[in-house]
Amino acid sequence: MTLTKTVDQMTILSGDRSKLKDLLCNRLAECGWRDEVRLLIRGIIKEKGTNVKVEQLITEVTPKARTLVPDAVKKELLMKIKAILAAQEGIDL
């Protein structure tokens, strides 16, 4: 079993997944990430026209959006996940 799968299962079972998701959404909104992604989507639609399919948008935006997530947000979320895992299983990460 991969670490990602284990983390997913443990956070779902403990109810911490929704807390982590809320934290991530709040941090992304605070740092302006949502606005940047919104502008990115608008730019793609302007460039390719209004006939762009959702799947095309997702394929094009996802890698760019991931790179726009600030390192501080990634680090904070990772620390929270490690703390949850350590508290639940005594895992030394």
PDB file of N, CA and C in Angstrom:
ATOM      1  N   MET A   1       0.857  -1.184   0.000  1.00  0.00           N
ATOM      2  CA  MET A   1       0.000   0.000   0.000  1.00  0.00           C
ATOM      3  C   MET A   1       0.895   1.236   0.000  1.00  0.00           C
ATOM      4  N   THR A   2       0.575   2.192  -0.832  1.00  0.00           N
ATOM      5  CA  THR A   2       1.391   3.403  -0.924  1.00  0.00           C
ATOM      6  C   THR A   2       1.089   4.345   0.235  1.00  0.00           C
ATOM      7  N   LEU A   3       2.019   5.240   0.500  1.00  0.00           N
ATOM      8  CA  LEU A   3       1.838   6.207   1.573  1.00  0.00           C
ATOM      9  C   LEU A   3       0.640   7.106   1.309  1.00  0.00           C
ATOM     10  N   THR A   4       0.457   7.502   0.046  1.00  0.00           N
ATOM     11  CA  THR A   4      -0.678   8.367  -0.301  1.00  0.00           C
ATOM     12  C   THR A   4      -1.993   7.675   0.006  1.00  0.00           C
ATOM     13  N   LYS A   5      -2.090   6.409  -0.361  1.00  0.00           N
ATOM     14  CA  LYS A   5      -3.309   5.648  -0.112  1.00  0.00           C
ATOM     15  C   LYS A   5      -3.536   5.509   1.394  1.00  0.00           C
ATOM     16  N   THR A   6      -2.480   5.258   2.131  1.00  0.00           N
ATOM     17  CA  THR A   6      -2.575   5.129   3.580  1.00  0.00           C
ATOM     18  C   THR A   6      -3.039   6.437   4.209  1.00  0.00           C
ATOM     19  N   VAL A   7      -2.461   7.544   3.777  1.00  0.00           N
ATOM     20  CA  VAL A   7      -2.849   8.855   4.304  1.00  0.00           C
ATOM     21  C   VAL A   7      -4.317   9.120   4.004  1.00  0.00           C
ATOM     22  N   ASP A   8      -4.734   8.856   2.776  1.00  0.00           N
ATOM     23  CA  ASP A   8      -6.141   9.046   2.401  1.00  0.00           C
ATOM     24  C   ASP A   8      -7.060   8.235   3.299  1.00  0.00           C
ATOM     25  N   GLN A   9      -6.759   6.962   3.469  1.00  0.00           N
ATOM     26  CA  GLN A   9      -7.607   6.096   4.276  1.00  0.00           C
ATOM     27  C   GLN A   9      -7.646   6.546   5.731  1.00  0.00           C
ATOM     28  N   MET A  10      -6.490   6.890   6.269  1.00  0.00           N
ATOM     29  CA  MET A  10      -6.435   7.289   7.674  1.00  0.00           C
ATOM     30  C   MET A  10      -7.160   8.611   7.914  1.00  0.00           C
ATOM     31  N   THR A  11      -7.007   9.557   6.996  1.00  0.00           N
ATOM     32  CA  THR A  11      -7.663  10.848   7.202  1.00  0.00           C
ATOM     33  C   THR A  11      -9.171  10.737   7.016  1.00  0.00           C
ATOM     34  N   ILE A  12      -9.596   9.863   6.111  1.00  0.00           N
ATOM     35  CA  ILE A  12     -11.035   9.660   5.915  1.00  0.00           C
ATOM     36  C   ILE A  12     -11.631   9.017   7.169  1.00  0.00           C
ATOM     37  N   LEU A  13     -10.962   7.987   7.668  1.00  0.00           N
ATOM     38  CA  LEU A  13     -11.475   7.272   8.831  1.00  0.00           C
ATOM     39  C   LEU A  13     -11.520   8.159  10.074  1.00  0.00           C
ATOM     40  N   SER A  14     -10.561   9.016  10.220  1.00  0.00           N
ATOM     41  CA  SER A  14     -10.489   9.835  11.426  1.00  0.00           C
ATOM     42  C   SER A  14     -11.351  11.090  11.334  1.00  0.00           C
ATOM     43  N   GLY A  15     -11.830  11.429  10.159  1.00  0.00           N
ATOM     44  CA  GLY A  15     -12.617  12.641   9.991  1.00  0.00           C
ATOM     45  C   GLY A  15     -11.756  13.876   9.787  1.00  0.00           C
ATOM     46  N   ASP A  16     -10.444  13.680   9.760  1.00  0.00           N
ATOM     47  CA  ASP A  16      -9.532  14.816   9.587  1.00  0.00           C
ATOM     48  C   ASP A  16      -9.462  15.292   8.146  1.00  0.00           C
ATOM     49  N   ARG A  17      -9.922  14.480   7.230  1.00  0.00           N
ATOM     50  CA  ARG A  17      -9.835  14.847   5.816  1.00  0.00           C
ATOM     51  C   ARG A  17     -10.585  16.148   5.534  1.00  0.00           C
ATOM     52  N   SER A  18     -11.781  16.286   6.091  1.00  0.00           N
ATOM     53  CA  SER A  18     -12.545  17.514   5.839  1.00  0.00           C
ATOM     54  C   SER A  18     -11.870  18.727   6.485  1.00  0.00           C
ATOM     55  N   LYS A  19     -11.237  18.522   7.632  1.00  0.00           N
ATOM     56  CA  LYS A  19     -10.504  19.625   8.270  1.00  0.00           C
ATOM     57  C   LYS A  19      -9.317  20.050   7.413  1.00  0.00           C
ATOM     58  N   LEU A  20      -8.604  19.069   6.868  1.00  0.00           N
ATOM     59  CA  LEU A  20      -7.466  19.372   6.002  1.00  0.00           C
ATOM     60  C   LEU A  20      -7.928  20.074   4.727  1.00  0.00           C
ATOM     61  N   LYS A  21      -9.033  19.607   4.182  1.00  0.00           N
ATOM     62  CA  LYS A  21      -9.570  20.214   2.971  1.00  0.00           C
ATOM     63  C   LYS A  21      -9.992  21.659   3.226  1.00  0.00           C
ATOM     64  N   ASP A  22     -10.649  21.889   4.364  1.00  0.00           N
ATOM     65  CA  ASP A  22     -11.050  23.250   4.725  1.00  0.00           C
ATOM     66  C   ASP A  22      -9.839  24.158   4.905  1.00  0.00           C
ATOM     67  N   LEU A  23      -8.805  23.629   5.573  1.00  0.00           N
ATOM     68  CA  LEU A  23      -7.579  24.400   5.773  1.00  0.00           C
ATOM     69  C   LEU A  23      -6.958  24.771   4.432  1.00  0.00           C
ATOM     70  N   LEU A  24      -6.875  23.796   3.538  1.00  0.00           N
ATOM     71  CA  LEU A  24      -6.294  24.049   2.219  1.00  0.00           C
ATOM     72  C   LEU A  24      -7.100  25.098   1.456  1.00  0.00           C
ATOM     73  N   CYS A  25      -8.417  24.951   1.438  1.00  0.00           N
ATOM     74  CA  CYS A  25      -9.269  25.924   0.727  1.00  0.00           C
ATOM     75  C   CYS A  25      -9.095  27.329   1.296  1.00  0.00           C
ATOM     76  N   ASN A  26      -9.043  27.435   2.616  1.00  0.00           N
ATOM     77  CA  ASN A  26      -8.860  28.750   3.251  1.00  0.00           C
ATOM     78  C   ASN A  26      -7.513  29.368   2.895  1.00  0.00           C
ATOM     79  N   ARG A  27      -6.454  28.558   2.974  1.00  0.00           N
ATOM     80  CA  ARG A  27      -5.117  29.086   2.672  1.00  0.00           C
ATOM     81  C   ARG A  27      -5.003  29.504   1.199  1.00  0.00           C
ATOM     82  N   LEU A  28      -5.599  28.716   0.308  1.00  0.00           N
ATOM     83  CA  LEU A  28      -5.531  29.063  -1.117  1.00  0.00           C
ATOM     84  C   LEU A  28      -6.310  30.340  -1.408  1.00  0.00           C
ATOM     85  N   ALA A  29      -7.418  30.525  -0.722  1.00  0.00           N
ATOM     86  CA  ALA A  29      -8.191  31.760  -0.898  1.00  0.00           C
ATOM     87  C   ALA A  29      -7.419  32.956  -0.337  1.00  0.00           C
ATOM     88  N   GLU A  30      -6.795  32.775   0.827  1.00  0.00           N
ATOM     89  CA  GLU A  30      -6.053  33.856   1.477  1.00  0.00           C
ATOM     90  C   GLU A  30      -4.873  34.345   0.631  1.00  0.00           C
ATOM     91  N   CYS A  31      -4.209  33.418  -0.047  1.00  0.00           N
ATOM     92  CA  CYS A  31      -3.000  33.802  -0.799  1.00  0.00           C
ATOM     93  C   CYS A  31      -3.309  34.255  -2.225  1.00  0.00           C
ATOM     94  N   GLY A  32      -4.578  34.223  -2.616  1.00  0.00           N
ATOM     95  CA  GLY A  32      -4.948  34.691  -3.941  1.00  0.00           C
ATOM     96  C   GLY A  32      -4.848  33.643  -5.040  1.00  0.00           C
ATOM     97  N   TRP A  33      -4.615  32.394  -4.650  1.00  0.00           N
ATOM     98  CA  TRP A  33      -4.479  31.317  -5.626  1.00  0.00           C
ATOM     99  C   TRP A  33      -5.740  31.140  -6.463  1.00  0.00           C
ATOM    100  N   ARG A  34      -6.887  31.197  -5.823  1.00  0.00           N
ATOM    101  CA  ARG A  34      -8.149  31.037  -6.553  1.00  0.00           C
ATOM    102  C   ARG A  34      -8.301  32.099  -7.640  1.00  0.00           C
ATOM    103  N   ASP A  35      -7.957  33.321  -7.304  1.00  0.00           N
ATOM    104  CA  ASP A  35      -8.046  34.408  -8.281  1.00  0.00           C
ATOM    105  C   ASP A  35      -7.093  34.179  -9.455  1.00  0.00           C
ATOM    106  N   GLU A  36      -5.887  33.690  -9.145  1.00  0.00           N
ATOM    107  CA  GLU A  36      -4.917  33.410 -10.203  1.00  0.00           C
ATOM    108  C   GLU A  36      -5.424  32.321 -11.142  1.00  0.00           C
ATOM    109  N   VAL A  37      -6.014  31.277 -10.558  1.00  0.00           N
ATOM    110  CA  VAL A  37      -6.541  30.174 -11.375  1.00  0.00           C
ATOM    111  C   VAL A  37      -7.732  30.652 -12.198  1.00  0.00           C
ATOM    112  N   ARG A  38      -8.558  31.473 -11.595  1.00  0.00           N
ATOM    113  CA  ARG A  38      -9.712  32.030 -12.318  1.00  0.00           C
ATOM    114  C   ARG A  38      -9.239  32.831 -13.540  1.00  0.00           C
ATOM    115  N   LEU A  39      -8.200  33.646 -13.359  1.00  0.00           N
ATOM    116  CA  LEU A  39      -7.646  34.422 -14.471  1.00  0.00           C
ATOM    117  C   LEU A  39      -7.022  33.512 -15.530  1.00  0.00           C
ATOM    118  N   LEU A  40      -6.387  32.459 -15.086  1.00  0.00           N
ATOM    119  CA  LEU A  40      -5.803  31.487 -15.999  1.00  0.00           C
ATOM    120  C   LEU A  40      -6.890  30.854 -16.871  1.00  0.00           C
ATOM    121  N   ILE A  41      -7.993  30.470 -16.249  1.00  0.00           N
ATOM    122  CA  ILE A  41      -9.116  29.872 -16.981  1.00  0.00           C
ATOM    123  C   ILE A  41      -9.710  30.871 -17.965  1.00  0.00           C
ATOM    124  N   ARG A  42      -9.900  32.093 -17.521  1.00  0.00           N
ATOM    125  CA  ARG A  42     -10.446  33.121 -18.418  1.00  0.00           C
ATOM    126  C   ARG A  42      -9.543  33.345 -19.620  1.00  0.00           C
ATOM    127  N   GLY A  43      -8.236  33.340 -19.386  1.00  0.00           N
ATOM    128  CA  GLY A  43      -7.283  33.521 -20.474  1.00  0.00           C
ATOM    129  C   GLY A  43      -7.367  32.396 -21.493  1.00  0.00           C
ATOM    130  N   ILE A  44      -7.513  31.174 -21.015  1.00  0.00           N
ATOM    131  CA  ILE A  44      -7.621  30.023 -21.913  1.00  0.00           C
ATOM    132  C   ILE A  44      -8.910  30.115 -22.728  1.00  0.00           C
ATOM    133  N   ILE A  45      -9.999  30.477 -22.074  1.00  0.00           N
ATOM    134  CA  ILE A  45     -11.280  30.603 -22.775  1.00  0.00           C
ATOM    135  C   ILE A  45     -11.203  31.722 -23.814  1.00  0.00           C
ATOM    136  N   LYS A  46     -10.551  32.822 -23.454  1.00  0.00           N
ATOM    137  CA  LYS A  46     -10.403  33.942 -24.394  1.00  0.00           C
ATOM    138  C   LYS A  46      -9.569  33.516 -25.602  1.00  0.00           C
ATOM    139  N   GLU A  47      -8.521  32.753 -25.335  1.00  0.00           N
ATOM    140  CA  GLU A  47      -7.613  32.309 -26.390  1.00  0.00           C
ATOM    141  C   GLU A  47      -8.261  31.254 -27.309  1.00  0.00           C
ATOM    142  N   LYS A  48      -8.987  30.321 -26.725  1.00  0.00           N
ATOM    143  CA  LYS A  48      -9.521  29.203 -27.501  1.00  0.00           C
ATOM    144  C   LYS A  48     -10.989  29.350 -27.855  1.00  0.00           C
ATOM    145  N   GLY A  49     -11.634  30.336 -27.308  1.00  0.00           N
ATOM    146  CA  GLY A  49     -13.053  30.529 -27.584  1.00  0.00           C
ATOM    147  C   GLY A  49     -13.934  29.849 -26.549  1.00  0.00           C
ATOM    148  N   THR A  50     -15.210  30.124 -26.642  1.00  0.00           N
ATOM    149  CA  THR A  50     -16.154  29.616 -25.643  1.00  0.00           C
ATOM    150  C   THR A  50     -16.531  28.153 -25.861  1.00  0.00           C
ATOM    151  N   ASN A  51     -16.032  27.549 -26.917  1.00  0.00           N
ATOM    152  CA  ASN A  51     -16.351  26.146 -27.186  1.00  0.00           C
ATOM    153  C   ASN A  51     -15.388  25.183 -26.498  1.00  0.00           C
ATOM    154  N   VAL A  52     -14.582  25.676 -25.585  1.00  0.00           N
ATOM    155  CA  VAL A  52     -13.630  24.831 -24.865  1.00  0.00           C
ATOM    156  C   VAL A  52     -14.410  23.903 -23.936  1.00  0.00           C
ATOM    157  N   LYS A  53     -14.055  22.631 -23.970  1.00  0.00           N
ATOM    158  CA  LYS A  53     -14.719  21.652 -23.100  1.00  0.00           C
ATOM    159  C   LYS A  53     -14.085  21.677 -21.720  1.00  0.00           C
ATOM    160  N   VAL A  54     -14.876  21.311 -20.739  1.00  0.00           N
ATOM    161  CA  VAL A  54     -14.409  21.299 -19.351  1.00  0.00           C
ATOM    162  C   VAL A  54     -13.176  20.404 -19.214  1.00  0.00           C
ATOM    163  N   GLU A  55     -13.202  19.253 -19.865  1.00  0.00           N
ATOM    164  CA  GLU A  55     -12.067  18.328 -19.793  1.00  0.00           C
ATOM    165  C   GLU A  55     -10.790  18.981 -20.310  1.00  0.00           C
ATOM    166  N   GLN A  56     -10.916  19.767 -21.382  1.00  0.00           N
ATOM    167  CA  GLN A  56      -9.756  20.467 -21.930  1.00  0.00           C
ATOM    168  C   GLN A  56      -9.229  21.491 -20.924  1.00  0.00           C
ATOM    169  N   LEU A  57     -10.145  22.218 -20.302  1.00  0.00           N
ATOM    170  CA  LEU A  57      -9.741  23.202 -19.296  1.00  0.00           C
ATOM    171  C   LEU A  57      -9.006  22.522 -18.144  1.00  0.00           C
ATOM    172  N   ILE A  58      -9.567  21.445 -17.665  1.00  0.00           N
ATOM    173  CA  ILE A  58      -8.964  20.724 -16.539  1.00  0.00           C
ATOM    174  C   ILE A  58      -7.567  20.243 -16.909  1.00  0.00           C
ATOM    175  N   THR A  59      -7.442  19.660 -18.086  1.00  0.00           N
ATOM    176  CA  THR A  59      -6.147  19.141 -18.539  1.00  0.00           C
ATOM    177  C   THR A  59      -5.102  20.244 -18.639  1.00  0.00           C
ATOM    178  N   GLU A  60      -5.502  21.395 -19.117  1.00  0.00           N
ATOM    179  CA  GLU A  60      -4.555  22.496 -19.306  1.00  0.00           C
ATOM    180  C   GLU A  60      -4.285  23.270 -18.016  1.00  0.00           C
ATOM    181  N   VAL A  61      -5.296  23.435 -17.194  1.00  0.00           N
ATOM    182  CA  VAL A  61      -5.159  24.269 -15.998  1.00  0.00           C
ATOM    183  C   VAL A  61      -4.506  23.533 -14.835  1.00  0.00           C
ATOM    184  N   THR A  62      -4.804  22.261 -14.660  1.00  0.00           N
ATOM    185  CA  THR A  62      -4.338  21.523 -13.480  1.00  0.00           C
ATOM    186  C   THR A  62      -2.834  21.618 -13.239  1.00  0.00           C
ATOM    187  N   PRO A  63      -1.984  21.321 -14.223  1.00  0.00           N
ATOM    188  CA  PRO A  63      -0.542  21.416 -13.935  1.00  0.00           C
ATOM    189  C   PRO A  63      -0.095  22.832 -13.583  1.00  0.00           C
ATOM    190  N   LYS A  64      -0.668  23.812 -14.259  1.00  0.00           N
ATOM    191  CA  LYS A  64      -0.302  25.204 -13.978  1.00  0.00           C
ATOM    192  C   LYS A  64      -0.791  25.618 -12.597  1.00  0.00           C
ATOM    193  N   ALA A  65      -1.997  25.207 -12.248  1.00  0.00           N
ATOM    194  CA  ALA A  65      -2.567  25.553 -10.941  1.00  0.00           C
ATOM    195  C   ALA A  65      -1.754  24.937  -9.809  1.00  0.00           C
ATOM    196  N   ARG A  66      -1.286  23.721 -10.021  1.00  0.00           N
ATOM    197  CA  ARG A  66      -0.468  23.062  -8.993  1.00  0.00           C
ATOM    198  C   ARG A  66       0.827  23.809  -8.747  1.00  0.00           C
ATOM    199  N   THR A  67       1.416  24.340  -9.809  1.00  0.00           N
ATOM    200  CA  THR A  67       2.670  25.076  -9.632  1.00  0.00           C
ATOM    201  C   THR A  67       2.448  26.424  -8.952  1.00  0.00           C
ATOM    202  N   LEU A  68       1.227  26.924  -8.996  1.00  0.00           N
ATOM    203  CA  LEU A  68       0.912  28.214  -8.374  1.00  0.00           C
ATOM    204  C   LEU A  68       0.658  28.120  -6.867  1.00  0.00           C
ATOM    205  N   VAL A  69       0.514  26.888  -6.339  1.00  0.00           N
ATOM    206  CA  VAL A  69       0.286  26.732  -4.900  1.00  0.00           C
ATOM    207  C   VAL A  69       1.576  27.130  -4.182  1.00  0.00           C
ATOM    208  N   PRO A  70       1.499  28.106  -3.276  1.00  0.00           N
ATOM    209  CA  PRO A  70       2.699  28.561  -2.578  1.00  0.00           C
ATOM    210  C   PRO A  70       3.338  27.453  -1.731  1.00  0.00           C
ATOM    211  N   ASP A  71       4.659  27.460  -1.669  1.00  0.00           N
ATOM    212  CA  ASP A  71       5.388  26.458  -0.883  1.00  0.00           C
ATOM    213  C   ASP A  71       4.972  26.487   0.582  1.00  0.00           C
ATOM    214  N   ALA A  72       4.686  27.659   1.110  1.00  0.00           N
ATOM    215  CA  ALA A  72       4.279  27.772   2.511  1.00  0.00           C
ATOM    216  C   ALA A  72       2.983  26.990   2.775  1.00  0.00           C
ATOM    217  N   VAL A  73       2.069  27.027   1.830  1.00  0.00           N
ATOM    218  CA  VAL A  73       0.800  26.297   1.966  1.00  0.00           C
ATOM    219  C   VAL A  73       1.068  24.797   1.916  1.00  0.00           C
ATOM    220  N   LYS A  74       1.915  24.373   0.990  1.00  0.00           N
ATOM    221  CA  LYS A  74       2.259  22.953   0.875  1.00  0.00           C
ATOM    222  C   LYS A  74       2.913  22.456   2.161  1.00  0.00           C
ATOM    223  N   LYS A  75       3.854  23.238   2.688  1.00  0.00           N
ATOM    224  CA  LYS A  75       4.569  22.847   3.905  1.00  0.00           C
ATOM    225  C   LYS A  75       3.623  22.770   5.102  1.00  0.00           C
ATOM    226  N   GLU A  76       2.730  23.742   5.217  1.00  0.00           N
ATOM    227  CA  GLU A  76       1.789  23.734   6.331  1.00  0.00           C
ATOM    228  C   GLU A  76       0.896  22.498   6.285  1.00  0.00           C
ATOM    229  N   LEU A  77       0.384  22.184   5.112  1.00  0.00           N
ATOM    230  CA  LEU A  77      -0.486  21.025   4.965  1.00  0.00           C
ATOM    231  C   LEU A  77       0.285  19.733   5.256  1.00  0.00           C
ATOM    232  N   LEU A  78       1.504  19.644   4.774  1.00  0.00           N
ATOM    233  CA  LEU A  78       2.321  18.468   5.026  1.00  0.00           C
ATOM    234  C   LEU A  78       2.585  18.288   6.523  1.00  0.00           C
ATOM    235  N   MET A  79       2.875  19.371   7.221  1.00  0.00           N
ATOM    236  CA  MET A  79       3.099  19.293   8.667  1.00  0.00           C
ATOM    237  C   MET A  79       1.842  18.816   9.392  1.00  0.00           C
ATOM    238  N   LYS A  80       0.680  19.309   8.960  1.00  0.00           N
ATOM    239  CA  LYS A  80      -0.584  18.880   9.577  1.00  0.00           C
ATOM    240  C   LYS A  80      -0.824  17.389   9.347  1.00  0.00           C
ATOM    241  N   ILE A  81      -0.561  16.921   8.127  1.00  0.00           N
ATOM    242  CA  ILE A  81      -0.748  15.505   7.812  1.00  0.00           C
ATOM    243  C   ILE A  81       0.192  14.643   8.650  1.00  0.00           C
ATOM    244  N   LYS A  82       1.433  15.060   8.747  1.00  0.00           N
ATOM    245  CA  LYS A  82       2.402  14.315   9.553  1.00  0.00           C
ATOM    246  C   LYS A  82       1.970  14.255  11.011  1.00  0.00           C
ATOM    247  N   ALA A  83       1.466  15.369  11.530  1.00  0.00           N
ATOM    248  CA  ALA A  83       1.011  15.411  12.923  1.00  0.00           C
ATOM    249  C   ALA A  83      -0.175  14.472  13.140  1.00  0.00           C
ATOM    250  N   ILE A  84      -1.090  14.447  12.191  1.00  0.00           N
ATOM    251  CA  ILE A  84      -2.254  13.560  12.292  1.00  0.00           C
ATOM    252  C   ILE A  84      -1.813  12.106  12.277  1.00  0.00           C
ATOM    253  N   LEU A  85      -0.928  11.768  11.348  1.00  0.00           N
ATOM    254  CA  LEU A  85      -0.442  10.391  11.257  1.00  0.00           C
ATOM    255  C   LEU A  85       0.304   9.981  12.516  1.00  0.00           C
ATOM    256  N   ALA A  86       1.138  10.871  13.008  1.00  0.00           N
ATOM    257  CA  ALA A  86       1.900  10.572  14.210  1.00  0.00           C
ATOM    258  C   ALA A  86       0.988  10.369  15.412  1.00  0.00           C
ATOM    259  N   ALA A  87      -0.041  11.202  15.512  1.00  0.00           N
ATOM    260  CA  ALA A  87      -0.978  11.095  16.632  1.00  0.00           C
ATOM    261  C   ALA A  87      -1.798   9.807  16.559  1.00  0.00           C
ATOM    262  N   GLN A  88      -2.166   9.406  15.362  1.00  0.00           N
ATOM    263  CA  GLN A  88      -3.036   8.244  15.195  1.00  0.00           C
ATOM    264  C   GLN A  88      -2.289   6.913  15.294  1.00  0.00           C
ATOM    265  N   GLU A  89      -1.128   6.855  14.741  1.00  0.00           N
ATOM    266  CA  GLU A  89      -0.428   5.578  14.624  1.00  0.00           C
ATOM    267  C   GLU A  89       0.935   5.554  15.311  1.00  0.00           C
ATOM    268  N   GLY A  90       1.346   6.675  15.839  1.00  0.00           N
ATOM    269  CA  GLY A  90       2.668   6.721  16.423  1.00  0.00           C
ATOM    270  C   GLY A  90       3.763   6.569  15.392  1.00  0.00           C
ATOM    271  N   ILE A  91       3.444   6.945  14.144  1.00  0.00           N
ATOM    272  CA  ILE A  91       4.407   6.840  13.048  1.00  0.00           C
ATOM    273  C   ILE A  91       5.426   7.953  13.199  1.00  0.00           C
ATOM    274  N   ASP A  92       6.692   7.599  13.091  1.00  0.00           N
ATOM    275  CA  ASP A  92       7.745   8.595  13.164  1.00  0.00           C
ATOM    276  C   ASP A  92       8.101   9.032  11.760  1.00  0.00           C
ATOM    277  N   LEU A  93       7.575  10.186  11.325  1.00  0.00           N
ATOM    278  CA  LEU A  93       7.848  10.678   9.970  1.00  0.00           C
ATOM    279  C   LEU A  93       8.907  11.702  10.025  1.00  0.00           C
TER     280      LEU A  93
END
